[in-house]
């Protein structure tokens, strides 16, 4: 998994956990390092912006949702 983007709203942070995966070792084999893990279900993590710890987060399954970058939180 390669999370390098997330959205921040006035009250929350939204973290995508998608089926898109990154395997740098594939470059050595001459293949693209970006792929899809079809067995994984995409999900979005939502956590209050000022949460004390991860117990305040909620993960929402979003089958088939695989955006590349967050836009306009």
PDB file of N, CA and C in Angstrom:
ATOM      1  N   UNK A   1       0.848  -1.171   0.000  1.00  0.00           N
ATOM      2  CA  UNK A   1       0.000   0.000   0.000  1.00  0.00           C
ATOM      3  C   UNK A   1       0.894   1.235   0.000  1.00  0.00           C
ATOM      4  N   UNK A   2       0.400   2.248  -0.677  1.00  0.00           N
ATOM      5  CA  UNK A   2       1.166   3.483  -0.747  1.00  0.00           C
ATOM      6  C   UNK A   2       0.231   4.671  -0.587  1.00  0.00           C
ATOM      7  N   UNK A   3      -0.017   5.071   0.646  1.00  0.00           N
ATOM      8  CA  UNK A   3      -0.865   6.237   0.876  1.00  0.00           C
ATOM      9  C   UNK A   3       0.032   7.466   0.837  1.00  0.00           C
ATOM     10  N   UNK A   4      -0.223   8.326  -0.126  1.00  0.00           N
ATOM     11  CA  UNK A   4       0.569   9.551  -0.218  1.00  0.00           C
ATOM     12  C   UNK A   4      -0.331  10.774  -0.386  1.00  0.00           C
ATOM     13  N   UNK A   5      -1.625  10.582  -0.170  1.00  0.00           N
ATOM     14  CA  UNK A   5      -2.561  11.669  -0.356  1.00  0.00           C
ATOM     15  C   UNK A   5      -3.729  11.471   0.601  1.00  0.00           C
ATOM     16  N   UNK A   6      -4.243  12.551   1.140  1.00  0.00           N
ATOM     17  CA  UNK A   6      -5.434  12.479   1.974  1.00  0.00           C
ATOM     18  C   UNK A   6      -6.106  13.846   1.934  1.00  0.00           C
ATOM     19  N   UNK A   7      -7.338  13.893   2.397  1.00  0.00           N
ATOM     20  CA  UNK A   7      -8.092  15.145   2.369  1.00  0.00           C
ATOM     21  C   UNK A   7      -8.312  15.634   3.794  1.00  0.00           C
ATOM     22  N   UNK A   8      -8.347  16.947   3.955  1.00  0.00           N
ATOM     23  CA  UNK A   8      -8.633  17.543   5.254  1.00  0.00           C
ATOM     24  C   UNK A   8      -9.777  18.532   5.064  1.00  0.00           C
ATOM     25  N   UNK A   9     -10.831  18.327   5.841  1.00  0.00           N
ATOM     26  CA  UNK A   9     -11.957  19.260   5.820  1.00  0.00           C
ATOM     27  C   UNK A   9     -11.872  20.112   7.080  1.00  0.00           C
ATOM     28  N   UNK A  10     -12.882  20.905   7.323  1.00  0.00           N
ATOM     29  CA  UNK A  10     -12.888  21.751   8.508  1.00  0.00           C
ATOM     30  C   UNK A  10     -12.822  20.912   9.791  1.00  0.00           C
ATOM     31  N   UNK A  11     -13.459  19.731   9.776  1.00  0.00           N
ATOM     32  CA  UNK A  11     -13.547  18.929  10.992  1.00  0.00           C
ATOM     33  C   UNK A  11     -12.898  17.551  10.917  1.00  0.00           C
ATOM     34  N   UNK A  12     -12.587  17.069   9.716  1.00  0.00           N
ATOM     35  CA  UNK A  12     -12.120  15.685   9.576  1.00  0.00           C
ATOM     36  C   UNK A  12     -10.930  15.552   8.635  1.00  0.00           C
ATOM     37  N   UNK A  13     -10.217  14.451   8.801  1.00  0.00           N
ATOM     38  CA  UNK A  13      -9.231  14.002   7.817  1.00  0.00           C
ATOM     39  C   UNK A  13      -9.804  12.731   7.198  1.00  0.00           C
ATOM     40  N   UNK A  14      -9.678  12.609   5.879  1.00  0.00           N
ATOM     41  CA  UNK A  14     -10.192  11.451   5.151  1.00  0.00           C
ATOM     42  C   UNK A  14      -9.011  10.764   4.473  1.00  0.00           C
ATOM     43  N   UNK A  15      -8.819   9.491   4.800  1.00  0.00           N
ATOM     44  CA  UNK A  15      -7.649   8.746   4.339  1.00  0.00           C
ATOM     45  C   UNK A  15      -8.093   7.607   3.435  1.00  0.00           C
ATOM     46  N   UNK A  16      -7.700   7.631   2.154  1.00  0.00           N
ATOM     47  CA  UNK A  16      -8.071   6.539   1.262  1.00  0.00           C
ATOM     48  C   UNK A  16      -7.153   5.327   1.455  1.00  0.00           C
ATOM     49  N   UNK A  17      -7.740   4.153   1.441  1.00  0.00           N
ATOM     50  CA  UNK A  17      -6.991   2.883   1.477  1.00  0.00           C
ATOM     51  C   UNK A  17      -7.527   2.071   0.303  1.00  0.00           C
ATOM     52  N   UNK A  18      -6.898   2.226  -0.843  1.00  0.00           N
ATOM     53  CA  UNK A  18      -7.427   1.718  -2.102  1.00  0.00           C
ATOM     54  C   UNK A  18      -6.851   0.363  -2.493  1.00  0.00           C
ATOM     55  N   UNK A  19      -7.382  -0.176  -3.574  1.00  0.00           N
ATOM     56  CA  UNK A  19      -6.877  -1.423  -4.144  1.00  0.00           C
ATOM     57  C   UNK A  19      -5.580  -1.196  -4.921  1.00  0.00           C
ATOM     58  N   UNK A  20      -5.260   0.043  -5.177  1.00  0.00           N
ATOM     59  CA  UNK A  20      -4.047   0.360  -5.923  1.00  0.00           C
ATOM     60  C   UNK A  20      -2.846   0.146  -5.009  1.00  0.00           C
ATOM     61  N   UNK A  21      -1.889  -0.642  -5.483  1.00  0.00           N
ATOM     62  CA  UNK A  21      -0.720  -0.977  -4.678  1.00  0.00           C
ATOM     63  C   UNK A  21       0.556  -0.598  -5.420  1.00  0.00           C
ATOM     64  N   UNK A  22       1.622  -0.460  -4.669  1.00  0.00           N
ATOM     65  CA  UNK A  22       2.917  -0.099  -5.227  1.00  0.00           C
ATOM     66  C   UNK A  22       3.945  -1.128  -4.793  1.00  0.00           C
ATOM     67  N   UNK A  23       4.632  -1.731  -5.760  1.00  0.00           N
ATOM     68  CA  UNK A  23       5.677  -2.714  -5.483  1.00  0.00           C
ATOM     69  C   UNK A  23       6.932  -2.320  -6.259  1.00  0.00           C
ATOM     70  N   UNK A  24       7.845  -1.569  -5.622  1.00  0.00           N
ATOM     71  CA  UNK A  24       9.031  -1.082  -6.325  1.00  0.00           C
ATOM     72  C   UNK A  24       9.908  -2.193  -6.900  1.00  0.00           C
ATOM     73  N   UNK A  25       9.831  -3.387  -6.337  1.00  0.00           N
ATOM     74  CA  UNK A  25      10.650  -4.492  -6.845  1.00  0.00           C
ATOM     75  C   UNK A  25      10.254  -4.891  -8.267  1.00  0.00           C
ATOM     76  N   UNK A  26       9.058  -4.549  -8.691  1.00  0.00           N
ATOM     77  CA  UNK A  26       8.640  -4.868 -10.062  1.00  0.00           C
ATOM     78  C   UNK A  26       9.441  -4.076 -11.092  1.00  0.00           C
ATOM     79  N   UNK A  27       9.973  -2.924 -10.691  1.00  0.00           N
ATOM     80  CA  UNK A  27      10.811  -2.129 -11.603  1.00  0.00           C
ATOM     81  C   UNK A  27      12.032  -2.941 -12.021  1.00  0.00           C
ATOM     82  N   UNK A  28      12.608  -3.674 -11.083  1.00  0.00           N
ATOM     83  CA  UNK A  28      13.784  -4.501 -11.372  1.00  0.00           C
ATOM     84  C   UNK A  28      13.452  -5.545 -12.444  1.00  0.00           C
ATOM     85  N   UNK A  29      12.211  -5.989 -12.459  1.00  0.00           N
ATOM     86  CA  UNK A  29      11.768  -6.995 -13.441  1.00  0.00           C
ATOM     87  C   UNK A  29      11.283  -6.364 -14.741  1.00  0.00           C
ATOM     88  N   UNK A  30      11.428  -5.031 -14.845  1.00  0.00           N
ATOM     89  CA  UNK A  30      11.022  -4.337 -16.054  1.00  0.00           C
ATOM     90  C   UNK A  30       9.525  -4.117 -16.165  1.00  0.00           C
ATOM     91  N   UNK A  31       8.815  -4.199 -15.043  1.00  0.00           N
ATOM     92  CA  UNK A  31       7.366  -4.020 -15.049  1.00  0.00           C
ATOM     93  C   UNK A  31       6.988  -2.740 -14.309  1.00  0.00           C
ATOM     94  N   UNK A  32       5.776  -2.314 -14.490  1.00  0.00           N
ATOM     95  CA  UNK A  32       5.280  -1.138 -13.775  1.00  0.00           C
ATOM     96  C   UNK A  32       5.158  -1.464 -12.293  1.00  0.00           C
ATOM     97  N   UNK A  33       5.565  -0.549 -11.418  1.00  0.00           N
ATOM     98  CA  UNK A  33       5.465  -0.802  -9.978  1.00  0.00           C
ATOM     99  C   UNK A  33       4.047  -0.614  -9.436  1.00  0.00           C
ATOM    100  N   UNK A  34       3.138  -0.110 -10.266  1.00  0.00           N
ATOM    101  CA  UNK A  34       1.770   0.152  -9.834  1.00  0.00           C
ATOM    102  C   UNK A  34       0.861  -0.971 -10.305  1.00  0.00           C
ATOM    103  N   UNK A  35       0.056  -1.481  -9.384  1.00  0.00           N
ATOM    104  CA  UNK A  35      -0.861  -2.553  -9.733  1.00  0.00           C
ATOM    105  C   UNK A  35      -2.134  -2.458  -8.914  1.00  0.00           C
ATOM    106  N   UNK A  36      -2.953  -3.492  -9.027  1.00  0.00           N
ATOM    107  CA  UNK A  36      -4.230  -3.543  -8.317  1.00  0.00           C
ATOM    108  C   UNK A  36      -4.312  -4.848  -7.538  1.00  0.00           C
ATOM    109  N   UNK A  37      -4.685  -4.744  -6.274  1.00  0.00           N
ATOM    110  CA  UNK A  37      -4.934  -5.923  -5.444  1.00  0.00           C
ATOM    111  C   UNK A  37      -6.438  -6.170  -5.474  1.00  0.00           C
ATOM    112  N   UNK A  38      -6.884  -7.066  -6.343  1.00  0.00           N
ATOM    113  CA  UNK A  38      -8.316  -7.289  -6.557  1.00  0.00           C
ATOM    114  C   UNK A  38      -9.000  -7.986  -5.377  1.00  0.00           C
ATOM    115  N   UNK A  39      -8.246  -8.555  -4.477  1.00  0.00           N
ATOM    116  CA  UNK A  39      -8.837  -9.217  -3.319  1.00  0.00           C
ATOM    117  C   UNK A  39      -9.104  -8.242  -2.166  1.00  0.00           C
ATOM    118  N   UNK A  40      -8.512  -7.084  -2.235  1.00  0.00           N
ATOM    119  CA  UNK A  40      -8.689  -6.072  -1.197  1.00  0.00           C
ATOM    120  C   UNK A  40      -9.936  -5.237  -1.498  1.00  0.00           C
ATOM    121  N   UNK A  41     -10.663  -4.864  -0.470  1.00  0.00           N
ATOM    122  CA  UNK A  41     -11.809  -3.964  -0.628  1.00  0.00           C
ATOM    123  C   UNK A  41     -11.337  -2.558  -0.280  1.00  0.00           C
ATOM    124  N   UNK A  42     -11.550  -1.632  -1.205  1.00  0.00           N
ATOM    125  CA  UNK A  42     -11.165  -0.244  -0.954  1.00  0.00           C
ATOM    126  C   UNK A  42     -11.984   0.299   0.218  1.00  0.00           C
ATOM    127  N   UNK A  43     -11.382   1.249   0.951  1.00  0.00           N
ATOM    128  CA  UNK A  43     -12.092   1.841   2.082  1.00  0.00           C
ATOM    129  C   UNK A  43     -11.589   3.261   2.310  1.00  0.00           C
ATOM    130  N   UNK A  44     -12.365   4.012   3.061  1.00  0.00           N
ATOM    131  CA  UNK A  44     -11.998   5.372   3.430  1.00  0.00           C
ATOM    132  C   UNK A  44     -11.965   5.464   4.948  1.00  0.00           C
ATOM    133  N   UNK A  45     -10.894   6.021   5.473  1.00  0.00           N
ATOM    134  CA  UNK A  45     -10.793   6.262   6.901  1.00  0.00           C
ATOM    135  C   UNK A  45     -11.191   7.697   7.183  1.00  0.00           C
ATOM    136  N   UNK A  46     -12.036   7.882   8.174  1.00  0.00           N
ATOM    137  CA  UNK A  46     -12.468   9.236   8.564  1.00  0.00           C
ATOM    138  C   UNK A  46     -12.132   9.396  10.041  1.00  0.00           C
ATOM    139  N   UNK A  47     -11.374  10.443  10.337  1.00  0.00           N
ATOM    140  CA  UNK A  47     -10.979  10.685  11.717  1.00  0.00           C
ATOM    141  C   UNK A  47     -11.143  12.177  12.023  1.00  0.00           C
ATOM    142  N   UNK A  48     -11.700  12.495  13.181  1.00  0.00           N
ATOM    143  CA  UNK A  48     -11.821  13.912  13.535  1.00  0.00           C
ATOM    144  C   UNK A  48     -10.445  14.596  13.508  1.00  0.00           C
ATOM    145  N   UNK A  49     -10.416  15.797  13.026  1.00  0.00           N
ATOM    146  CA  UNK A  49      -9.165  16.539  12.861  1.00  0.00           C
ATOM    147  C   UNK A  49      -8.364  16.649  14.158  1.00  0.00           C
ATOM    148  N   UNK A  50      -9.043  16.753  15.274  1.00  0.00           N
ATOM    149  CA  UNK A  50      -8.336  16.897  16.547  1.00  0.00           C
ATOM    150  C   UNK A  50      -8.524  15.668  17.437  1.00  0.00           C
ATOM    151  N   UNK A  51      -8.580  14.501  16.838  1.00  0.00           N
ATOM    152  CA  UNK A  51      -8.757  13.260  17.594  1.00  0.00           C
ATOM    153  C   UNK A  51      -7.574  13.027  18.531  1.00  0.00           C
ATOM    154  N   UNK A  52      -7.862  12.429  19.657  1.00  0.00           N
ATOM    155  CA  UNK A  52      -6.819  12.099  20.636  1.00  0.00           C
ATOM    156  C   UNK A  52      -6.027  10.864  20.199  1.00  0.00           C
ATOM    157  N   UNK A  53      -6.711   9.899  19.564  1.00  0.00           N
ATOM    158  CA  UNK A  53      -6.033   8.696  19.069  1.00  0.00           C
ATOM    159  C   UNK A  53      -6.890   8.022  17.997  1.00  0.00           C
ATOM    160  N   UNK A  54      -6.392   6.905  17.464  1.00  0.00           N
ATOM    161  CA  UNK A  54      -7.061   6.232  16.350  1.00  0.00           C
ATOM    162  C   UNK A  54      -8.406   5.611  16.723  1.00  0.00           C
ATOM    163  N   UNK A  55      -8.718   5.521  18.010  1.00  0.00           N
ATOM    164  CA  UNK A  55     -10.005   4.964  18.438  1.00  0.00           C
ATOM    165  C   UNK A  55     -11.175   5.815  17.935  1.00  0.00           C
ATOM    166  N   UNK A  56     -10.924   7.062  17.605  1.00  0.00           N
ATOM    167  CA  UNK A  56     -11.975   7.945  17.112  1.00  0.00           C
ATOM    168  C   UNK A  56     -12.174   7.831  15.603  1.00  0.00           C
ATOM    169  N   UNK A  57     -11.389   6.997  14.934  1.00  0.00           N
ATOM    170  CA  UNK A  57     -11.505   6.851  13.487  1.00  0.00           C
ATOM    171  C   UNK A  57     -12.566   5.824  13.118  1.00  0.00           C
ATOM    172  N   UNK A  58     -13.094   5.978  11.919  1.00  0.00           N
ATOM    173  CA  UNK A  58     -14.087   5.057  11.360  1.00  0.00           C
ATOM    174  C   UNK A  58     -13.610   4.681   9.967  1.00  0.00           C
ATOM    175  N   UNK A  59     -13.673   3.390   9.631  1.00  0.00           N
ATOM    176  CA  UNK A  59     -13.318   2.934   8.290  1.00  0.00           C
ATOM    177  C   UNK A  59     -14.585   2.507   7.570  1.00  0.00           C
ATOM    178  N   UNK A  60     -14.781   3.037   6.373  1.00  0.00           N
ATOM    179  CA  UNK A  60     -15.972   2.771   5.570  1.00  0.00           C
ATOM    180  C   UNK A  60     -15.551   2.033   4.310  1.00  0.00           C
ATOM    181  N   UNK A  61     -16.067   0.815   4.118  1.00  0.00           N
ATOM    182  CA  UNK A  61     -15.758   0.069   2.901  1.00  0.00           C
ATOM    183  C   UNK A  61     -16.401   0.760   1.707  1.00  0.00           C
ATOM    184  N   UNK A  62     -15.658   0.827   0.619  1.00  0.00           N
ATOM    185  CA  UNK A  62     -16.118   1.508  -0.595  1.00  0.00           C
ATOM    186  C   UNK A  62     -15.696   0.679  -1.809  1.00  0.00           C
ATOM    187  N   UNK A  63     -16.317  -0.475  -1.965  1.00  0.00           N
ATOM    188  CA  UNK A  63     -15.952  -1.398  -3.045  1.00  0.00           C
ATOM    189  C   UNK A  63     -15.937  -0.690  -4.402  1.00  0.00           C
ATOM    190  N   UNK A  64     -14.843  -0.883  -5.136  1.00  0.00           N
ATOM    191  CA  UNK A  64     -14.719  -0.316  -6.473  1.00  0.00           C
ATOM    192  C   UNK A  64     -14.300   1.143  -6.514  1.00  0.00           C
ATOM    193  N   UNK A  65     -14.116   1.767  -5.369  1.00  0.00           N
ATOM    194  CA  UNK A  65     -13.734   3.178  -5.316  1.00  0.00           C
ATOM    195  C   UNK A  65     -12.219   3.283  -5.284  1.00  0.00           C
ATOM    196  N   UNK A  66     -11.618   3.756  -6.370  1.00  0.00           N
ATOM    197  CA  UNK A  66     -10.162   3.821  -6.455  1.00  0.00           C
ATOM    198  C   UNK A  66      -9.702   5.130  -7.089  1.00  0.00           C
ATOM    199  N   UNK A  67      -9.964   6.244  -6.426  1.00  0.00           N
ATOM    200  CA  UNK A  67      -9.502   7.522  -6.944  1.00  0.00           C
ATOM    201  C   UNK A  67      -7.995   7.602  -6.766  1.00  0.00           C
ATOM    202  N   UNK A  68      -7.343   8.382  -7.598  1.00  0.00           N
ATOM    203  CA  UNK A  68      -5.886   8.492  -7.525  1.00  0.00           C
ATOM    204  C   UNK A  68      -5.437   9.599  -6.580  1.00  0.00           C
ATOM    205  N   UNK A  69      -6.139  10.717  -6.560  1.00  0.00           N
ATOM    206  CA  UNK A  69      -5.774  11.822  -5.691  1.00  0.00           C
ATOM    207  C   UNK A  69      -7.037  12.493  -5.160  1.00  0.00           C
ATOM    208  N   UNK A  70      -6.962  12.999  -3.956  1.00  0.00           N
ATOM    209  CA  UNK A  70      -8.088  13.721  -3.373  1.00  0.00           C
ATOM    210  C   UNK A  70      -8.140  15.114  -3.985  1.00  0.00           C
ATOM    211  N   UNK A  71      -9.334  15.575  -4.277  1.00  0.00           N
ATOM    212  CA  UNK A  71      -9.502  16.892  -4.877  1.00  0.00           C
ATOM    213  C   UNK A  71     -10.604  17.627  -4.125  1.00  0.00           C
ATOM    214  N   UNK A  72     -10.355  18.862  -3.767  1.00  0.00           N
ATOM    215  CA  UNK A  72     -11.368  19.715  -3.140  1.00  0.00           C
ATOM    216  C   UNK A  72     -12.064  19.053  -1.968  1.00  0.00           C
ATOM    217  N   UNK A  73     -11.379  18.918  -0.867  1.00  0.00           N
ATOM    218  CA  UNK A  73     -11.921  18.243   0.319  1.00  0.00           C
ATOM    219  C   UNK A  73     -13.263  18.809   0.726  1.00  0.00           C
TER     220      UNK A  73
END
